N, C-alpha and C. Protein backbone atom coordinates (compact mmCIF):
# COMPACT_ATOMS: atom_id res chain seq x y z
N UNK A 1 57.19 136.44 87.21
CA UNK A 1 57.09 136.28 85.76
C UNK A 1 57.62 134.90 85.38
N UNK A 2 56.79 134.16 84.65
CA UNK A 2 57.20 132.84 84.19
C UNK A 2 57.96 132.95 82.88
N UNK A 3 59.08 132.29 82.82
CA UNK A 3 59.86 132.25 81.59
C UNK A 3 59.36 131.10 80.73
N UNK A 4 59.42 131.25 79.40
CA UNK A 4 58.98 130.15 78.53
C UNK A 4 59.90 128.95 78.69
N UNK A 5 59.32 127.77 78.50
CA UNK A 5 60.12 126.55 78.59
C UNK A 5 61.14 126.51 77.46
N UNK A 6 62.21 125.81 77.68
CA UNK A 6 63.27 125.67 76.68
C UNK A 6 62.95 124.46 75.82
N UNK A 7 62.91 124.66 74.52
CA UNK A 7 62.61 123.56 73.61
C UNK A 7 63.74 122.55 73.57
N UNK A 8 63.37 121.32 73.30
CA UNK A 8 64.35 120.25 73.18
C UNK A 8 65.28 120.54 72.00
N UNK A 9 66.57 120.24 72.15
CA UNK A 9 67.50 120.44 71.04
C UNK A 9 67.47 119.30 70.01
N UNK A 10 66.55 118.37 70.19
CA UNK A 10 66.46 117.22 69.28
C UNK A 10 66.27 117.71 67.85
N UNK A 11 67.07 117.14 66.95
CA UNK A 11 67.01 117.50 65.52
C UNK A 11 66.43 116.36 64.68
N UNK A 12 65.91 115.34 65.37
CA UNK A 12 65.34 114.16 64.71
C UNK A 12 66.39 113.40 63.91
N UNK A 13 67.64 113.51 64.37
CA UNK A 13 68.76 112.74 63.79
C UNK A 13 69.31 111.92 64.95
N UNK A 14 68.58 110.90 65.34
CA UNK A 14 68.93 110.13 66.54
C UNK A 14 69.90 109.01 66.18
N UNK A 15 71.17 109.30 66.39
CA UNK A 15 72.23 108.35 66.08
C UNK A 15 73.27 108.45 67.18
N UNK A 16 73.40 107.39 67.96
CA UNK A 16 74.33 107.40 69.08
C UNK A 16 75.74 107.09 68.62
N UNK A 17 76.67 107.96 68.96
CA UNK A 17 78.08 107.72 68.67
C UNK A 17 78.55 106.62 69.63
N UNK A 18 78.99 105.48 69.10
CA UNK A 18 79.33 104.35 69.97
C UNK A 18 80.53 104.60 70.89
N UNK A 19 81.47 105.39 70.46
CA UNK A 19 82.65 105.66 71.28
C UNK A 19 82.37 106.69 72.37
N UNK A 20 81.69 107.75 72.01
CA UNK A 20 81.43 108.86 72.95
C UNK A 20 80.14 108.69 73.73
N UNK A 21 79.23 107.80 73.24
CA UNK A 21 77.92 107.56 73.87
C UNK A 21 77.10 108.84 73.94
N UNK A 22 77.11 109.57 72.82
CA UNK A 22 76.42 110.84 72.69
C UNK A 22 75.64 110.82 71.38
N UNK A 23 74.46 111.44 71.38
CA UNK A 23 73.68 111.53 70.15
C UNK A 23 74.39 112.46 69.16
N UNK A 24 74.58 111.99 67.94
CA UNK A 24 75.24 112.81 66.91
C UNK A 24 74.33 113.93 66.41
N UNK A 25 73.05 113.84 66.65
CA UNK A 25 72.12 114.88 66.22
C UNK A 25 72.06 116.07 67.17
N UNK A 26 71.96 115.78 68.48
CA UNK A 26 71.78 116.87 69.45
C UNK A 26 72.92 117.02 70.44
N UNK A 27 73.79 116.04 70.54
CA UNK A 27 74.93 116.13 71.44
C UNK A 27 74.65 115.75 72.88
N UNK A 28 73.43 115.29 73.16
CA UNK A 28 73.11 114.91 74.53
C UNK A 28 73.43 113.44 74.80
N UNK A 29 73.66 113.13 76.08
CA UNK A 29 73.83 111.75 76.49
C UNK A 29 72.44 111.11 76.60
N UNK A 30 72.40 109.79 76.71
CA UNK A 30 71.11 109.11 76.86
C UNK A 30 70.41 109.57 78.13
N UNK A 31 71.14 109.77 79.21
CA UNK A 31 70.55 110.24 80.46
C UNK A 31 69.95 111.63 80.30
N UNK A 32 70.66 112.50 79.60
CA UNK A 32 70.14 113.86 79.38
C UNK A 32 68.89 113.84 78.52
N UNK A 33 68.85 112.97 77.54
CA UNK A 33 67.66 112.84 76.70
C UNK A 33 66.49 112.33 77.53
N UNK A 34 66.74 111.31 78.34
CA UNK A 34 65.68 110.69 79.14
C UNK A 34 65.10 111.64 80.19
N UNK A 35 65.93 112.53 80.74
CA UNK A 35 65.46 113.40 81.81
C UNK A 35 65.06 114.80 81.34
N UNK A 36 65.15 115.08 80.04
CA UNK A 36 64.89 116.42 79.53
C UNK A 36 63.53 116.95 79.95
N UNK A 37 62.49 116.18 79.78
CA UNK A 37 61.13 116.69 80.04
C UNK A 37 60.88 117.00 81.52
N UNK A 38 61.63 116.37 82.42
CA UNK A 38 61.43 116.62 83.84
C UNK A 38 62.50 117.55 84.42
N UNK A 39 63.43 117.99 83.62
CA UNK A 39 64.50 118.88 84.09
C UNK A 39 63.99 120.31 84.23
N UNK A 40 64.55 121.03 85.20
CA UNK A 40 64.18 122.43 85.35
C UNK A 40 64.97 123.29 84.35
N UNK A 41 64.63 124.54 84.28
CA UNK A 41 65.23 125.45 83.30
C UNK A 41 66.75 125.54 83.44
N UNK A 42 67.25 125.66 84.66
CA UNK A 42 68.70 125.77 84.88
C UNK A 42 69.42 124.52 84.39
N UNK A 43 68.84 123.36 84.65
CA UNK A 43 69.45 122.11 84.20
C UNK A 43 69.44 122.02 82.69
N UNK A 44 68.35 122.43 82.07
CA UNK A 44 68.27 122.40 80.60
C UNK A 44 69.34 123.32 79.98
N UNK A 45 69.56 124.47 80.58
CA UNK A 45 70.58 125.38 80.06
C UNK A 45 71.97 124.76 80.16
N UNK A 46 72.23 124.05 81.26
CA UNK A 46 73.51 123.36 81.42
C UNK A 46 73.66 122.24 80.38
N UNK A 47 72.59 121.50 80.17
CA UNK A 47 72.61 120.43 79.18
C UNK A 47 72.89 121.01 77.79
N UNK A 48 72.24 122.11 77.46
CA UNK A 48 72.46 122.74 76.15
C UNK A 48 73.91 123.17 75.97
N UNK A 49 74.49 123.73 77.02
CA UNK A 49 75.90 124.17 76.93
C UNK A 49 76.81 122.97 76.71
N UNK A 50 76.62 121.92 77.49
CA UNK A 50 77.47 120.73 77.36
C UNK A 50 77.25 120.04 76.02
N UNK A 51 76.00 119.96 75.58
CA UNK A 51 75.72 119.27 74.32
C UNK A 51 76.33 120.02 73.14
N UNK A 52 76.34 121.34 73.19
CA UNK A 52 76.96 122.14 72.14
C UNK A 52 78.47 121.89 72.06
N UNK A 53 79.08 121.79 73.23
CA UNK A 53 80.52 121.49 73.28
C UNK A 53 80.81 120.11 72.71
N UNK A 54 79.95 119.14 73.05
CA UNK A 54 80.14 117.78 72.55
C UNK A 54 80.00 117.72 71.03
N UNK A 55 78.98 118.42 70.51
CA UNK A 55 78.77 118.41 69.06
C UNK A 55 79.97 119.00 68.33
N UNK A 56 80.54 120.05 68.89
CA UNK A 56 81.71 120.67 68.26
C UNK A 56 82.87 119.68 68.20
N UNK A 57 83.02 118.86 69.23
CA UNK A 57 84.10 117.87 69.26
C UNK A 57 83.83 116.70 68.32
N UNK A 58 82.55 116.40 68.07
CA UNK A 58 82.22 115.30 67.17
C UNK A 58 82.44 115.67 65.71
N UNK A 59 82.35 116.96 65.41
CA UNK A 59 82.46 117.41 64.01
C UNK A 59 83.86 117.25 63.47
């Protein structure tokens, strides 16, 4: 059974925090943004978990 792909967490608020080097819109690093489309499901889930933690710290 194929699982549906995970949608990008991009919120179209692309603003890089200069100190943390993380997007203020989605919480991902530039590397995570660049590799999102080629990442497998497990990697995307890890990115989502880390990006959520980062966004909480930026708030």
